[in-house]
Amino acid sequence: MTVKTLAVKCPTCSKQVLMTDEFPFRPFCSDRCKTIDFGGWAAEQHLIEGDETESDNWSEDKPEGF
């Protein structure tokens, strides 16, 4: 029986990454690429598309007494 392993491109540098234990930072190829991506989110360089008029309502969902 042949087992296929999923391979994806690293979101930061596009190197091929196998979804195995050999790549502990998957889907990133390294801790460096993972950190670069996180920095992009922290600097608001990445956005998730959506309706800007929608409220996230997270503050209204707090239980009483908070």
PDB file of N, CA and C in Angstrom:
ATOM      1  N   MET A   1       0.838  -1.176   0.000  1.00  0.00           N
ATOM      2  CA  MET A   1       0.000   0.000   0.000  1.00  0.00           C
ATOM      3  C   MET A   1       0.888   1.247   0.000  1.00  0.00           C
ATOM      4  N   THR A   2       0.547   2.201  -0.832  1.00  0.00           N
ATOM      5  CA  THR A   2       1.292   3.447  -0.932  1.00  0.00           C
ATOM      6  C   THR A   2       0.582   4.534  -0.129  1.00  0.00           C
ATOM      7  N   VAL A   3       1.348   5.225   0.706  1.00  0.00           N
ATOM      8  CA  VAL A   3       0.796   6.318   1.497  1.00  0.00           C
ATOM      9  C   VAL A   3       1.301   7.625   0.894  1.00  0.00           C
ATOM     10  N   LYS A   4       0.382   8.521   0.571  1.00  0.00           N
ATOM     11  CA  LYS A   4       0.754   9.820   0.024  1.00  0.00           C
ATOM     12  C   LYS A   4       0.838  10.832   1.152  1.00  0.00           C
ATOM     13  N   THR A   5       1.816  11.715   1.068  1.00  0.00           N
ATOM     14  CA  THR A   5       1.997  12.765   2.057  1.00  0.00           C
ATOM     15  C   THR A   5       1.656  14.106   1.413  1.00  0.00           C
ATOM     16  N   LEU A   6       0.830  14.879   2.090  1.00  0.00           N
ATOM     17  CA  LEU A   6       0.445  16.190   1.591  1.00  0.00           C
ATOM     18  C   LEU A   6       1.643  17.126   1.630  1.00  0.00           C
ATOM     19  N   ALA A   7       1.868  17.839   0.563  1.00  0.00           N
ATOM     20  CA  ALA A   7       2.924  18.837   0.490  1.00  0.00           C
ATOM     21  C   ALA A   7       2.291  20.179   0.133  1.00  0.00           C
ATOM     22  N   VAL A   8       2.730  21.235   0.802  1.00  0.00           N
ATOM     23  CA  VAL A   8       2.234  22.587   0.542  1.00  0.00           C
ATOM     24  C   VAL A   8       3.425  23.528   0.398  1.00  0.00           C
ATOM     25  N   LYS A   9       3.168  24.700  -0.128  1.00  0.00           N
ATOM     26  CA  LYS A   9       4.215  25.721  -0.211  1.00  0.00           C
ATOM     27  C   LYS A   9       4.207  26.539   1.066  1.00  0.00           C
ATOM     28  N   CYS A  10       5.371  26.848   1.592  1.00  0.00           N
ATOM     29  CA  CYS A  10       5.482  27.721   2.757  1.00  0.00           C
ATOM     30  C   CYS A  10       4.853  29.064   2.391  1.00  0.00           C
ATOM     31  N   PRO A  11       3.939  29.580   3.215  1.00  0.00           N
ATOM     32  CA  PRO A  11       3.285  30.859   2.897  1.00  0.00           C
ATOM     33  C   PRO A  11       4.251  32.045   2.800  1.00  0.00           C
ATOM     34  N   THR A  12       5.429  31.926   3.399  1.00  0.00           N
ATOM     35  CA  THR A  12       6.373  33.039   3.408  1.00  0.00           C
ATOM     36  C   THR A  12       7.372  32.975   2.256  1.00  0.00           C
ATOM     37  N   CYS A  13       8.019  31.805   2.063  1.00  0.00           N
ATOM     38  CA  CYS A  13       9.094  31.717   1.071  1.00  0.00           C
ATOM     39  C   CYS A  13       8.801  30.779  -0.095  1.00  0.00           C
ATOM     40  N   SER A  14       7.690  30.071  -0.044  1.00  0.00           N
ATOM     41  CA  SER A  14       7.245  29.159  -1.099  1.00  0.00           C
ATOM     42  C   SER A  14       8.042  27.864  -1.224  1.00  0.00           C
ATOM     43  N   LYS A  15       8.903  27.543  -0.250  1.00  0.00           N
ATOM     44  CA  LYS A  15       9.569  26.240  -0.260  1.00  0.00           C
ATOM     45  C   LYS A  15       8.526  25.158  -0.031  1.00  0.00           C
ATOM     46  N   GLN A  16       8.792  23.961  -0.558  1.00  0.00           N
ATOM     47  CA  GLN A  16       7.869  22.852  -0.360  1.00  0.00           C
ATOM     48  C   GLN A  16       7.988  22.325   1.073  1.00  0.00           C
ATOM     49  N   VAL A  17       6.844  22.141   1.721  1.00  0.00           N
ATOM     50  CA  VAL A  17       6.786  21.662   3.099  1.00  0.00           C
ATOM     51  C   VAL A  17       5.907  20.416   3.117  1.00  0.00           C
ATOM     52  N   LEU A  18       6.447  19.329   3.652  1.00  0.00           N
ATOM     53  CA  LEU A  18       5.651  18.117   3.812  1.00  0.00           C
ATOM     54  C   LEU A  18       4.918  18.193   5.135  1.00  0.00           C
ATOM     55  N   MET A  19       3.699  17.745   5.152  1.00  0.00           N
ATOM     56  CA  MET A  19       2.906  17.775   6.380  1.00  0.00           C
ATOM     57  C   MET A  19       3.232  16.537   7.222  1.00  0.00           C
ATOM     58  N   THR A  20       4.476  16.508   7.698  1.00  0.00           N
ATOM     59  CA  THR A  20       4.973  15.407   8.520  1.00  0.00           C
ATOM     60  C   THR A  20       5.688  15.985   9.738  1.00  0.00           C
ATOM     61  N   ASP A  21       6.102  15.102  10.637  1.00  0.00           N
ATOM     62  CA  ASP A  21       6.821  15.542  11.833  1.00  0.00           C
ATOM     63  C   ASP A  21       8.197  16.113  11.515  1.00  0.00           C
ATOM     64  N   GLU A  22       8.693  15.893  10.300  1.00  0.00           N
ATOM     65  CA  GLU A  22       9.970  16.475   9.890  1.00  0.00           C
ATOM     66  C   GLU A  22       9.907  18.001   9.825  1.00  0.00           C
ATOM     67  N   PHE A  23       8.703  18.534   9.699  1.00  0.00           N
ATOM     68  CA  PHE A  23       8.497  19.974   9.589  1.00  0.00           C
ATOM     69  C   PHE A  23       7.628  20.439  10.759  1.00  0.00           C
ATOM     70  N   PRO A  24       8.234  20.671  11.921  1.00  0.00           N
ATOM     71  CA  PRO A  24       7.443  21.016  13.107  1.00  0.00           C
ATOM     72  C   PRO A  24       6.745  22.377  13.021  1.00  0.00           C
ATOM     73  N   PHE A  25       7.134  23.229  12.080  1.00  0.00           N
ATOM     74  CA  PHE A  25       6.531  24.558  11.967  1.00  0.00           C
ATOM     75  C   PHE A  25       5.515  24.624  10.824  1.00  0.00           C
ATOM     76  N   ARG A  26       5.113  23.441  10.321  1.00  0.00           N
ATOM     77  CA  ARG A  26       4.193  23.391   9.181  1.00  0.00           C
ATOM     78  C   ARG A  26       2.947  24.225   9.432  1.00  0.00           C
ATOM     79  N   PRO A  27       2.416  24.931   8.501  1.00  0.00           N
ATOM     80  CA  PRO A  27       2.740  24.906   7.082  1.00  0.00           C
ATOM     81  C   PRO A  27       3.952  25.752   6.702  1.00  0.00           C
ATOM     82  N   PHE A  28       4.660  26.278   7.677  1.00  0.00           N
ATOM     83  CA  PHE A  28       5.882  27.039   7.405  1.00  0.00           C
ATOM     84  C   PHE A  28       7.071  26.088   7.370  1.00  0.00           C
ATOM     85  N   CYS A  29       8.120  26.465   6.629  1.00  0.00           N
ATOM     86  CA  CYS A  29       9.282  25.596   6.527  1.00  0.00           C
ATOM     87  C   CYS A  29      10.211  25.759   7.728  1.00  0.00           C
ATOM     88  N   SER A  30      10.103  26.876   8.443  1.00  0.00           N
ATOM     89  CA  SER A  30      11.007  27.131   9.562  1.00  0.00           C
ATOM     90  C   SER A  30      10.367  28.096  10.561  1.00  0.00           C
ATOM     91  N   ASP A  31      11.005  28.196  11.713  1.00  0.00           N
ATOM     92  CA  ASP A  31      10.548  29.153  12.725  1.00  0.00           C
ATOM     93  C   ASP A  31      10.697  30.582  12.199  1.00  0.00           C
ATOM     94  N   ARG A  32      11.732  30.827  11.412  1.00  0.00           N
ATOM     95  CA  ARG A  32      11.961  32.155  10.837  1.00  0.00           C
ATOM     96  C   ARG A  32      10.776  32.572   9.967  1.00  0.00           C
ATOM     97  N   CYS A  33      10.341  31.684   9.069  1.00  0.00           N
ATOM     98  CA  CYS A  33       9.213  32.011   8.191  1.00  0.00           C
ATOM     99  C   CYS A  33       7.931  32.196   8.998  1.00  0.00           C
ATOM    100  N   LYS A  34       7.741  31.394  10.032  1.00  0.00           N
ATOM    101  CA  LYS A  34       6.563  31.533  10.894  1.00  0.00           C
ATOM    102  C   LYS A  34       6.570  32.893  11.587  1.00  0.00           C
ATOM    103  N   THR A  35       7.732  33.315  12.074  1.00  0.00           N
ATOM    104  CA  THR A  35       7.868  34.599  12.762  1.00  0.00           C
ATOM    105  C   THR A  35       7.646  35.773  11.812  1.00  0.00           C
ATOM    106  N   ILE A  36       8.159  35.659  10.599  1.00  0.00           N
ATOM    107  CA  ILE A  36       7.944  36.712   9.592  1.00  0.00           C
ATOM    108  C   ILE A  36       6.453  36.875   9.315  1.00  0.00           C
ATOM    109  N   ASP A  37       5.735  35.756   9.157  1.00  0.00           N
ATOM    110  CA  ASP A  37       4.299  35.807   8.903  1.00  0.00           C
ATOM    111  C   ASP A  37       3.557  36.425  10.089  1.00  0.00           C
ATOM    112  N   PHE A  38       3.901  36.012  11.295  1.00  0.00           N
ATOM    113  CA  PHE A  38       3.258  36.574  12.485  1.00  0.00           C
ATOM    114  C   PHE A  38       3.487  38.082  12.560  1.00  0.00           C
ATOM    115  N   GLY A  39       4.697  38.519  12.240  1.00  0.00           N
ATOM    116  CA  GLY A  39       4.992  39.955  12.236  1.00  0.00           C
ATOM    117  C   GLY A  39       4.131  40.715  11.249  1.00  0.00           C
ATOM    118  N   GLY A  40       3.857  40.096  10.105  1.00  0.00           N
ATOM    119  CA  GLY A  40       2.969  40.725   9.116  1.00  0.00           C
ATOM    120  C   GLY A  40       1.565  40.919   9.649  1.00  0.00           C
ATOM    121  N   TRP A  41       1.054  39.915  10.379  1.00  0.00           N
ATOM    122  CA  TRP A  41      -0.281  40.053  10.989  1.00  0.00           C
ATOM    123  C   TRP A  41      -0.253  41.126  12.080  1.00  0.00           C
ATOM    124  N   ALA A  42       0.801  41.134  12.903  1.00  0.00           N
ATOM    125  CA  ALA A  42       0.900  42.111  13.992  1.00  0.00           C
ATOM    126  C   ALA A  42       0.983  43.541  13.456  1.00  0.00           C
ATOM    127  N   ALA A  43       1.622  43.704  12.305  1.00  0.00           N
ATOM    128  CA  ALA A  43       1.752  45.025  11.687  1.00  0.00           C
ATOM    129  C   ALA A  43       0.551  45.369  10.805  1.00  0.00           C
ATOM    130  N   GLU A  44      -0.462  44.500  10.818  1.00  0.00           N
ATOM    131  CA  GLU A  44      -1.692  44.680  10.035  1.00  0.00           C
ATOM    132  C   GLU A  44      -1.416  44.773   8.539  1.00  0.00           C
ATOM    133  N   GLN A  45      -0.419  44.002   8.060  1.00  0.00           N
ATOM    134  CA  GLN A  45      -0.141  43.923   6.632  1.00  0.00           C
ATOM    135  C   GLN A  45      -1.036  42.891   5.951  1.00  0.00           C
ATOM    136  N   HIS A  46      -1.622  41.990   6.724  1.00  0.00           N
ATOM    137  CA  HIS A  46      -2.528  40.964   6.201  1.00  0.00           C
ATOM    138  C   HIS A  46      -3.939  41.298   6.655  1.00  0.00           C
ATOM    139  N   LEU A  47      -4.906  41.067   5.783  1.00  0.00           N
ATOM    140  CA  LEU A  47      -6.303  41.332   6.114  1.00  0.00           C
ATOM    141  C   LEU A  47      -7.163  40.151   5.709  1.00  0.00           C
ATOM    142  N   ILE A  48      -8.225  39.938   6.433  1.00  0.00           N
ATOM    143  CA  ILE A  48      -9.226  38.945   6.060  1.00  0.00           C
ATOM    144  C   ILE A  48     -10.402  39.712   5.501  1.00  0.00           C
ATOM    145  N   GLU A  49     -10.793  39.368   4.286  1.00  0.00           N
ATOM    146  CA  GLU A  49     -11.893  40.068   3.618  1.00  0.00           C
ATOM    147  C   GLU A  49     -13.174  39.932   4.421  1.00  0.00           C
ATOM    148  N   GLY A  50     -13.963  40.969   4.419  1.00  0.00           N
ATOM    149  CA  GLY A  50     -15.240  40.933   5.107  1.00  0.00           C
ATOM    150  C   GLY A  50     -15.954  42.252   4.973  1.00  0.00           C
ATOM    151  N   ASP A  51     -17.159  42.283   5.474  1.00  0.00           N
ATOM    152  CA  ASP A  51     -17.978  43.481   5.430  1.00  0.00           C
ATOM    153  C   ASP A  51     -17.556  44.389   6.584  1.00  0.00           C
ATOM    154  N   GLU A  52     -17.059  45.578   6.256  1.00  0.00           N
ATOM    155  CA  GLU A  52     -16.585  46.493   7.293  1.00  0.00           C
ATOM    156  C   GLU A  52     -17.707  47.029   8.169  1.00  0.00           C
ATOM    157  N   THR A  53     -18.944  46.934   7.708  1.00  0.00           N
ATOM    158  CA  THR A  53     -20.049  47.448   8.504  1.00  0.00           C
ATOM    159  C   THR A  53     -20.487  46.463   9.577  1.00  0.00           C
ATOM    160  N   GLU A  54     -20.044  45.203   9.469  1.00  0.00           N
ATOM    161  CA  GLU A  54     -20.401  44.211  10.481  1.00  0.00           C
ATOM    162  C   GLU A  54     -19.667  44.513  11.781  1.00  0.00           C
ATOM    163  N   SER A  55     -20.362  44.403  12.882  1.00  0.00           N
ATOM    164  CA  SER A  55     -19.731  44.558  14.185  1.00  0.00           C
ATOM    165  C   SER A  55     -19.310  43.184  14.655  1.00  0.00           C
ATOM    166  N   ASP A  56     -18.172  43.111  15.354  1.00  0.00           N
ATOM    167  CA  ASP A  56     -17.743  41.805  15.838  1.00  0.00           C
ATOM    168  C   ASP A  56     -18.516  41.392  17.086  1.00  0.00           C
ATOM    169  N   ASN A  57     -19.146  42.353  17.766  1.00  0.00           N
ATOM    170  CA  ASN A  57     -19.993  42.097  18.933  1.00  0.00           C
ATOM    171  C   ASN A  57     -19.298  41.356  20.066  1.00  0.00           C
ATOM    172  N   TRP A  58     -17.989  41.250  20.038  1.00  0.00           N
ATOM    173  CA  TRP A  58     -17.341  40.478  21.101  1.00  0.00           C
ATOM    174  C   TRP A  58     -17.522  41.131  22.461  1.00  0.00           C
ATOM    175  N   SER A  59     -17.537  42.440  22.527  1.00  0.00           N
ATOM    176  CA  SER A  59     -17.667  43.093  23.824  1.00  0.00           C
ATOM    177  C   SER A  59     -19.090  42.972  24.371  1.00  0.00           C
ATOM    178  N   GLU A  60     -20.071  42.822  23.483  1.00  0.00           N
ATOM    179  CA  GLU A  60     -21.455  42.683  23.946  1.00  0.00           C
ATOM    180  C   GLU A  60     -21.744  41.272  24.448  1.00  0.00           C
ATOM    181  N   ASP A  61     -20.884  40.306  24.142  1.00  0.00           N
ATOM    182  CA  ASP A  61     -21.102  38.921  24.541  1.00  0.00           C
ATOM    183  C   ASP A  61     -20.552  38.601  25.934  1.00  0.00           C
ATOM    184  N   LYS A  62     -19.997  39.589  26.612  1.00  0.00           N
ATOM    185  CA  LYS A  62     -19.435  39.341  27.937  1.00  0.00           C
ATOM    186  C   LYS A  62     -20.545  39.009  28.934  1.00  0.00           C
ATOM    187  N   PRO A  63     -20.293  38.052  29.817  1.00  0.00           N
ATOM    188  CA  PRO A  63     -21.266  37.737  30.851  1.00  0.00           C
ATOM    189  C   PRO A  63     -21.446  38.912  31.816  1.00  0.00           C
ATOM    190  N   GLU A  64     -22.556  38.950  32.490  1.00  0.00           N
ATOM    191  CA  GLU A  64     -22.830  40.017  33.457  1.00  0.00           C
ATOM    192  C   GLU A  64     -21.747  40.050  34.529  1.00  0.00           C
ATOM    193  N   GLY A  65     -21.394  41.237  34.973  1.00  0.00           N
ATOM    194  CA  GLY A  65     -20.436  41.390  36.058  1.00  0.00           C
ATOM    195  C   GLY A  65     -19.005  41.590  35.585  1.00  0.00           C
ATOM    196  N   PHE A  66     -18.776  41.633  34.275  1.00  0.00           N
ATOM    197  CA  PHE A  66     -17.414  41.851  33.784  1.00  0.00           C
ATOM    198  C   PHE A  66     -17.233  43.273  33.361  1.00  0.00           C
TER     199      PHE A  66
END
